[in-house]
């Protein structure tokens, strides 16, 4: 946890720690986080029969703090399947072995007993099956002559402190790259009847069956540094209204703006993809021929 916290202070780090919590209210990590000015939630320790109440409380404090991703660090509990389902694809964990080898406990003793010359650590997505989610990153650590489980564990811990912040940084950015945002837009646009993808003005774009365009994807268009889509509106009045209502999302794009198109930013951390889909469909409707409109239920 401390390694993740201090790494988050680096200028290039893409994640921010907004809350530290756990299942032991007296854990030293919570005291450290408080001293570093990070919000802390000291949830009461629970007994097996109180498990449901604990995870309900945990879910509540995570949402209240605005948590987007969960990074487990020394959380030695098997997380319930219903909690994992609610946070699917947003929980990661670090494990002191080269997964899929040695899931569970006593990893170093088991590796040494097997005569392994390389051990290591893994960061993986958390799924309902113990230590079985997709591996996101690993570091190998050599077993030295005379190693004990304690000396080996201490060296693997150094590797963990290097691996986890770097892997978490990549994980939180996985859906925020321009390529990922284009992929989401592509999936939305290509569901519309008659849609096909092409390139125009140096940008990926979507049109109807070799005809008119209804959406463009832009990344640093005219040097503006923005990741966005450009879609049609009914005219300058609607364009101006959208920009006036939400200038953090909508803007008047260079070259396209005078024709009534509007830019919609896709580079924030909380893109409303349902809203994106609605705007793409509205743009499509403005140019779709009647026979295609009849294929779409509104």
Protein backbone atom coordinates (compact mmCIF):
# COMPACT_ATOMS: atom_id res chain seq x y z
CA UNK A 1 0.00 0.00 0.00
CA UNK A 2 2.80 2.41 0.88
CA UNK A 3 4.51 1.73 -2.45
CA UNK A 4 1.28 2.53 -4.31
CA UNK A 5 0.74 5.64 -2.22
CA UNK A 6 4.20 7.11 -2.72
CA UNK A 7 4.23 6.22 -6.42
CA UNK A 8 0.98 8.16 -6.81
CA UNK A 9 2.87 11.33 -5.81
CA UNK A 10 5.05 11.14 -8.91
CA UNK A 11 4.05 13.72 -11.56
CA UNK A 12 3.56 11.14 -14.31
CA UNK A 13 1.44 8.74 -12.24
CA UNK A 14 -2.07 8.43 -13.74
CA UNK A 15 -3.84 7.24 -10.59
CA UNK A 16 -4.77 8.96 -7.34
CA UNK A 17 -5.40 7.17 -4.06
CA UNK A 18 -8.69 8.53 -2.75
CA UNK A 19 -9.22 6.07 0.11
CA UNK A 20 -7.36 3.47 2.16
CA UNK A 21 -9.38 0.93 4.10
CA UNK A 22 -9.31 -2.73 5.08
CA UNK A 23 -10.60 -5.41 7.40
CA UNK A 24 -8.36 -4.53 10.36
CA UNK A 25 -9.15 -1.11 11.87
CA UNK A 26 -5.83 -1.05 13.71
CA UNK A 27 -3.65 -1.86 10.68
CA UNK A 28 -0.44 0.15 10.53
CA UNK A 29 -1.11 1.02 6.90
CA UNK A 30 -4.16 3.03 7.89
CA UNK A 31 -2.10 5.09 10.31
CA UNK A 32 0.50 5.68 7.61
CA UNK A 33 -2.18 6.78 5.13
CA UNK A 34 -3.65 9.20 7.68
CA UNK A 35 -0.22 10.70 8.32
CA UNK A 36 0.20 11.18 4.56
CA UNK A 37 -3.14 12.99 4.31
CA UNK A 38 -4.98 10.20 2.49
CA UNK A 39 -8.62 9.61 3.53
CA UNK A 40 -9.04 6.47 5.63
CA UNK A 41 -12.08 4.36 6.55
CA UNK A 42 -11.53 2.22 9.65
CA UNK A 43 -14.17 -0.45 9.26
CA UNK A 44 -14.71 -2.72 12.29
CA UNK A 45 -13.21 -6.21 12.18
CA UNK A 46 -15.82 -8.82 11.40
CA UNK A 47 -16.63 -12.38 12.31
CA UNK A 48 -17.71 -14.92 9.68
CA UNK A 49 -21.41 -14.38 10.35
CA UNK A 50 -20.93 -10.62 9.81
CA UNK A 51 -19.32 -11.03 6.39
CA UNK A 52 -22.27 -9.71 4.38
CA UNK A 53 -22.55 -6.62 6.57
CA UNK A 54 -18.82 -5.90 6.23
CA UNK A 55 -18.82 -6.05 2.44
CA UNK A 56 -21.98 -3.95 2.25
CA UNK A 57 -20.26 -1.31 4.41
CA UNK A 58 -17.09 -1.59 2.33
CA UNK A 59 -19.03 -1.10 -0.89
CA UNK A 60 -20.71 1.97 0.58
CA UNK A 61 -17.49 3.72 1.68
CA UNK A 62 -15.81 2.95 -1.66
CA UNK A 63 -18.63 4.54 -3.63
CA UNK A 64 -18.84 7.50 -1.26
CA UNK A 65 -15.12 8.19 -1.77
CA UNK A 66 -15.50 8.07 -5.57
CA UNK A 67 -13.35 4.98 -5.96
CA UNK A 68 -13.05 3.76 -9.56
CA UNK A 69 -10.57 0.91 -9.11
CA UNK A 70 -9.68 -1.27 -6.11
CA UNK A 71 -6.08 -2.34 -5.49
CA UNK A 72 -5.78 -5.07 -2.86
CA UNK A 73 -2.54 -5.17 -0.87
CA UNK A 74 -2.26 -7.67 1.97
CA UNK A 75 -6.02 -8.13 2.12
CA UNK A 76 -5.96 -11.74 3.26
CA UNK A 77 -9.63 -12.50 2.74
CA UNK A 78 -11.47 -14.37 0.03
CA UNK A 79 -13.66 -11.67 -1.48
CA UNK A 80 -17.29 -12.78 -1.98
CA UNK A 81 -18.43 -13.42 -5.54
CA UNK A 82 -21.29 -10.91 -5.36
CA UNK A 83 -18.90 -8.12 -4.34
CA UNK A 84 -16.51 -9.05 -7.17
CA UNK A 85 -19.41 -9.03 -9.61
CA UNK A 86 -20.34 -5.48 -8.60
CA UNK A 87 -16.74 -4.37 -9.18
CA UNK A 88 -15.98 -6.69 -12.10
CA UNK A 89 -12.94 -5.62 -14.09
CA UNK A 90 -12.03 -3.01 -11.49
CA UNK A 91 -10.22 -5.02 -8.78
CA UNK A 92 -6.56 -6.00 -8.89
CA UNK A 93 -4.36 -7.89 -6.46
CA UNK A 94 -0.68 -8.73 -6.03
CA UNK A 95 0.42 -12.29 -5.34
CA UNK A 96 3.92 -13.53 -4.39
CA UNK A 97 4.33 -16.16 -7.10
CA UNK A 98 4.55 -16.44 -10.84
CA UNK A 99 0.90 -17.24 -11.42
CA UNK A 100 -0.62 -19.61 -12.31
CA UNK A 101 1.94 -21.41 -10.10
CA UNK A 102 1.38 -21.57 -6.36
CA UNK A 103 -1.99 -19.99 -5.85
CA UNK A 104 -2.99 -19.42 -2.25
CA UNK A 105 -0.61 -19.45 0.74
CA UNK A 106 2.96 -20.60 1.47
CA UNK A 107 4.12 -19.75 -2.03
CA UNK A 108 7.85 -19.49 -1.28
CA UNK A 109 8.02 -22.73 0.70
CA UNK A 110 6.18 -24.56 -2.06
CA UNK A 111 8.48 -23.11 -4.75
CA UNK A 112 11.61 -24.04 -2.82
CA UNK A 113 10.32 -27.53 -2.14
CA UNK A 114 9.75 -27.94 -5.86
CA UNK A 115 13.34 -26.89 -6.56
CA UNK A 116 12.41 -23.78 -8.55
CA UNK A 117 15.34 -21.55 -9.51
CA UNK A 118 13.04 -18.64 -10.32
CA UNK A 119 10.15 -17.32 -8.26
CA UNK A 120 8.54 -13.91 -8.40
CA UNK A 121 5.33 -11.95 -8.10
CA UNK A 122 2.25 -11.26 -10.20
CA UNK A 123 -0.42 -8.59 -10.40
CA UNK A 124 -3.73 -9.98 -11.59
CA UNK A 125 -7.37 -9.06 -11.94
CA UNK A 126 -9.52 -10.43 -9.14
CA UNK A 127 -12.18 -12.93 -10.12
CA UNK A 128 -14.41 -15.24 -8.12
CA UNK A 129 -11.82 -18.03 -8.25
CA UNK A 130 -8.84 -17.56 -5.93
CA UNK A 131 -5.76 -16.03 -7.63
CA UNK A 132 -7.14 -17.01 -11.02
CA UNK A 133 -7.84 -13.71 -12.80
CA UNK A 134 -5.93 -12.53 -15.88
CA UNK A 135 -2.28 -11.76 -15.12
CA UNK A 136 -1.44 -8.12 -15.80
CA UNK A 137 2.26 -8.15 -14.98
CA UNK A 138 5.03 -10.25 -13.43
CA UNK A 139 8.63 -9.96 -12.22
CA UNK A 140 10.94 -12.94 -11.85
CA UNK A 141 13.25 -13.23 -8.83
CA UNK A 142 16.18 -15.65 -8.70
CA UNK A 143 16.46 -18.17 -5.87
CA UNK A 144 19.97 -17.81 -4.37
CA UNK A 145 22.07 -20.54 -2.74
CA UNK A 146 21.33 -20.63 0.95
CA UNK A 147 17.98 -18.85 0.62
CA UNK A 148 15.36 -19.41 3.27
CA UNK A 149 11.71 -18.72 2.79
CA UNK A 150 12.20 -15.52 4.79
CA UNK A 151 15.13 -14.22 2.73
CA UNK A 152 13.37 -15.12 -0.50
CA UNK A 153 10.14 -13.45 0.63
CA UNK A 154 12.04 -10.27 1.51
CA UNK A 155 13.57 -10.09 -1.97
CA UNK A 156 10.27 -10.83 -3.70
CA UNK A 157 8.72 -8.02 -1.66
CA UNK A 158 11.18 -5.57 -3.24
CA UNK A 159 10.02 -6.77 -6.65
CA UNK A 160 6.38 -6.39 -5.59
CA UNK A 161 6.98 -2.75 -4.68
CA UNK A 162 8.35 -2.13 -8.18
CA UNK A 163 5.75 -4.14 -10.05
CA UNK A 164 2.51 -3.03 -8.43
CA UNK A 165 2.61 0.75 -9.03
CA UNK A 166 3.70 0.36 -12.65
CA UNK A 167 1.09 -2.31 -13.38
CA UNK A 168 -1.68 -0.40 -11.64
CA UNK A 169 -0.79 2.68 -13.69
CA UNK A 170 -1.20 0.70 -16.92
CA UNK A 171 -4.41 -0.89 -15.64
CA UNK A 172 -6.18 2.38 -14.83
CA UNK A 173 -5.21 3.77 -18.24
CA UNK A 174 -6.25 0.71 -20.24
CA UNK A 175 -9.62 2.18 -21.27
CA UNK A 176 -8.41 5.77 -21.57
CA UNK A 177 -5.96 5.56 -24.43
CA UNK A 178 -7.08 7.08 -27.74
CA UNK A 179 -7.08 3.57 -29.25
CA UNK A 180 -9.40 2.29 -26.51
CA UNK A 181 -11.75 5.25 -26.90
CA UNK A 182 -11.85 4.72 -30.67
CA UNK A 183 -12.72 1.09 -30.05
CA UNK A 184 -15.68 2.05 -27.87
CA UNK A 185 -16.89 4.58 -30.45
CA UNK A 186 -16.45 2.03 -33.24
CA UNK A 187 -18.58 -0.52 -31.40
CA UNK A 188 -21.35 2.04 -30.99
CA UNK A 189 -21.26 3.36 -34.55
CA UNK A 190 -21.05 0.00 -36.28
CA UNK A 191 -24.23 -1.22 -34.59
CA UNK A 192 -26.22 1.27 -36.65
CA UNK A 193 -27.80 0.00 -39.89
CA UNK A 194 -25.69 0.61 -42.99
CA UNK A 195 -22.71 1.92 -41.04
CA UNK A 196 -19.18 1.47 -42.34
CA UNK A 197 -15.82 2.81 -41.25
CA UNK A 198 -13.45 4.79 -43.42
CA UNK A 199 -10.85 7.57 -43.14
CA UNK A 200 -11.44 11.21 -44.00
CA UNK A 201 -9.39 14.32 -43.24
CA UNK A 202 -6.85 11.92 -41.74
CA UNK A 203 -9.35 10.75 -39.11
CA UNK A 204 -11.26 7.51 -38.60
CA UNK A 205 -14.89 8.17 -39.38
CA UNK A 206 -18.21 6.44 -39.89
CA UNK A 207 -20.61 6.83 -42.77
CA UNK A 208 -23.71 5.24 -44.22
CA UNK A 209 -23.08 2.78 -47.07
CA UNK A 210 -20.50 4.83 -48.98
CA UNK A 211 -22.48 8.01 -48.49
CA UNK A 212 -22.55 10.75 -45.89
CA UNK A 213 -20.52 10.81 -42.68
CA UNK A 214 -22.22 10.81 -39.29
CA UNK A 215 -19.28 10.60 -36.85
CA UNK A 216 -15.56 11.33 -36.78
CA UNK A 217 -12.97 10.32 -34.20
CA UNK A 218 -10.37 12.96 -33.50
CA UNK A 219 -7.12 12.80 -31.58
CA UNK A 220 -5.17 16.08 -31.46
CA UNK A 221 -7.10 17.44 -34.44
CA UNK A 222 -5.43 20.67 -35.60
CA UNK A 223 -3.14 20.42 -32.58
CA UNK A 224 -5.92 20.88 -30.01
CA UNK A 225 -4.71 17.99 -27.83
CA UNK A 226 -8.26 16.65 -27.49
CA UNK A 227 -9.59 13.09 -27.84
CA UNK A 228 -13.16 13.45 -29.02
CA UNK A 229 -15.82 12.55 -31.53
CA UNK A 230 -17.39 15.00 -33.95
CA UNK A 231 -21.05 14.49 -34.79
CA UNK A 232 -23.77 16.32 -36.66
CA UNK A 233 -26.37 18.50 -35.01
CA UNK A 234 -29.59 19.87 -36.45
CA UNK A 235 -27.81 23.19 -37.01
CA UNK A 236 -25.93 26.08 -35.40
CA UNK A 237 -28.65 26.68 -32.80
CA UNK A 238 -28.45 23.14 -31.39
CA UNK A 239 -24.66 23.25 -31.58
CA UNK A 240 -24.57 26.47 -29.56
CA UNK A 241 -27.11 25.14 -27.08
CA UNK A 242 -25.08 21.98 -26.40
CA UNK A 243 -21.87 23.94 -25.90
CA UNK A 244 -23.60 26.46 -23.64
CA UNK A 245 -25.20 23.72 -21.51
CA UNK A 246 -22.03 21.68 -20.99
CA UNK A 247 -18.82 23.40 -22.18
CA UNK A 248 -16.68 20.80 -20.40
CA UNK A 249 -17.93 18.15 -22.83
CA UNK A 250 -19.02 19.96 -25.98
CA UNK A 251 -16.99 22.35 -28.12
CA UNK A 252 -17.01 23.92 -31.59
CA UNK A 253 -14.50 21.93 -33.66
CA UNK A 254 -12.15 23.56 -36.12
CA UNK A 255 -13.21 23.20 -39.78
CA UNK A 256 -16.39 21.28 -38.90
CA UNK A 257 -17.89 23.87 -36.57
CA UNK A 258 -19.26 26.30 -39.16
CA UNK A 259 -21.27 23.45 -40.71
CA UNK A 260 -23.07 22.77 -37.41
CA UNK A 261 -21.05 19.78 -36.27
CA UNK A 262 -20.19 19.58 -32.59
CA UNK A 263 -17.22 18.06 -30.78
CA UNK A 264 -17.83 15.82 -27.78
CA UNK A 265 -14.82 15.08 -25.60
CA UNK A 266 -13.90 11.45 -24.90
CA UNK A 267 -10.77 12.05 -22.82
CA UNK A 268 -12.23 12.36 -19.34
CA UNK A 269 -12.11 9.55 -16.78
CA UNK A 270 -15.91 9.28 -16.59
CA UNK A 271 -17.20 9.31 -20.16
CA UNK A 272 -20.95 8.68 -20.25
CA UNK A 273 -21.00 6.12 -23.04
CA UNK A 274 -24.79 5.92 -23.06
CA UNK A 275 -24.83 9.65 -23.81
CA UNK A 276 -22.18 9.14 -26.49
CA UNK A 277 -24.32 6.42 -28.08
CA UNK A 278 -27.36 8.70 -28.06
CA UNK A 279 -25.47 11.51 -29.80
CA UNK A 280 -24.02 9.14 -32.42
CA UNK A 281 -27.46 7.74 -33.14
CA UNK A 282 -28.95 11.23 -33.38
CA UNK A 283 -26.25 12.19 -35.88
CA UNK A 284 -26.92 9.02 -37.87
CA UNK A 285 -30.65 9.78 -37.93
CA UNK A 286 -30.00 13.19 -39.48
CA UNK A 287 -28.56 11.62 -42.64
CA UNK A 288 -29.99 8.09 -42.75
CA UNK A 289 -32.30 7.31 -45.68
CA UNK A 290 -35.85 6.30 -44.88
CA UNK A 291 -35.26 2.61 -45.58
CA UNK A 292 -32.54 2.50 -42.91
CA UNK A 293 -34.56 4.51 -40.43
CA UNK A 294 -37.24 1.85 -40.69
CA UNK A 295 -34.72 -0.77 -39.57
CA UNK A 296 -34.04 1.05 -36.30
CA UNK A 297 -36.45 1.10 -33.40
CA UNK A 298 -36.48 4.42 -31.52
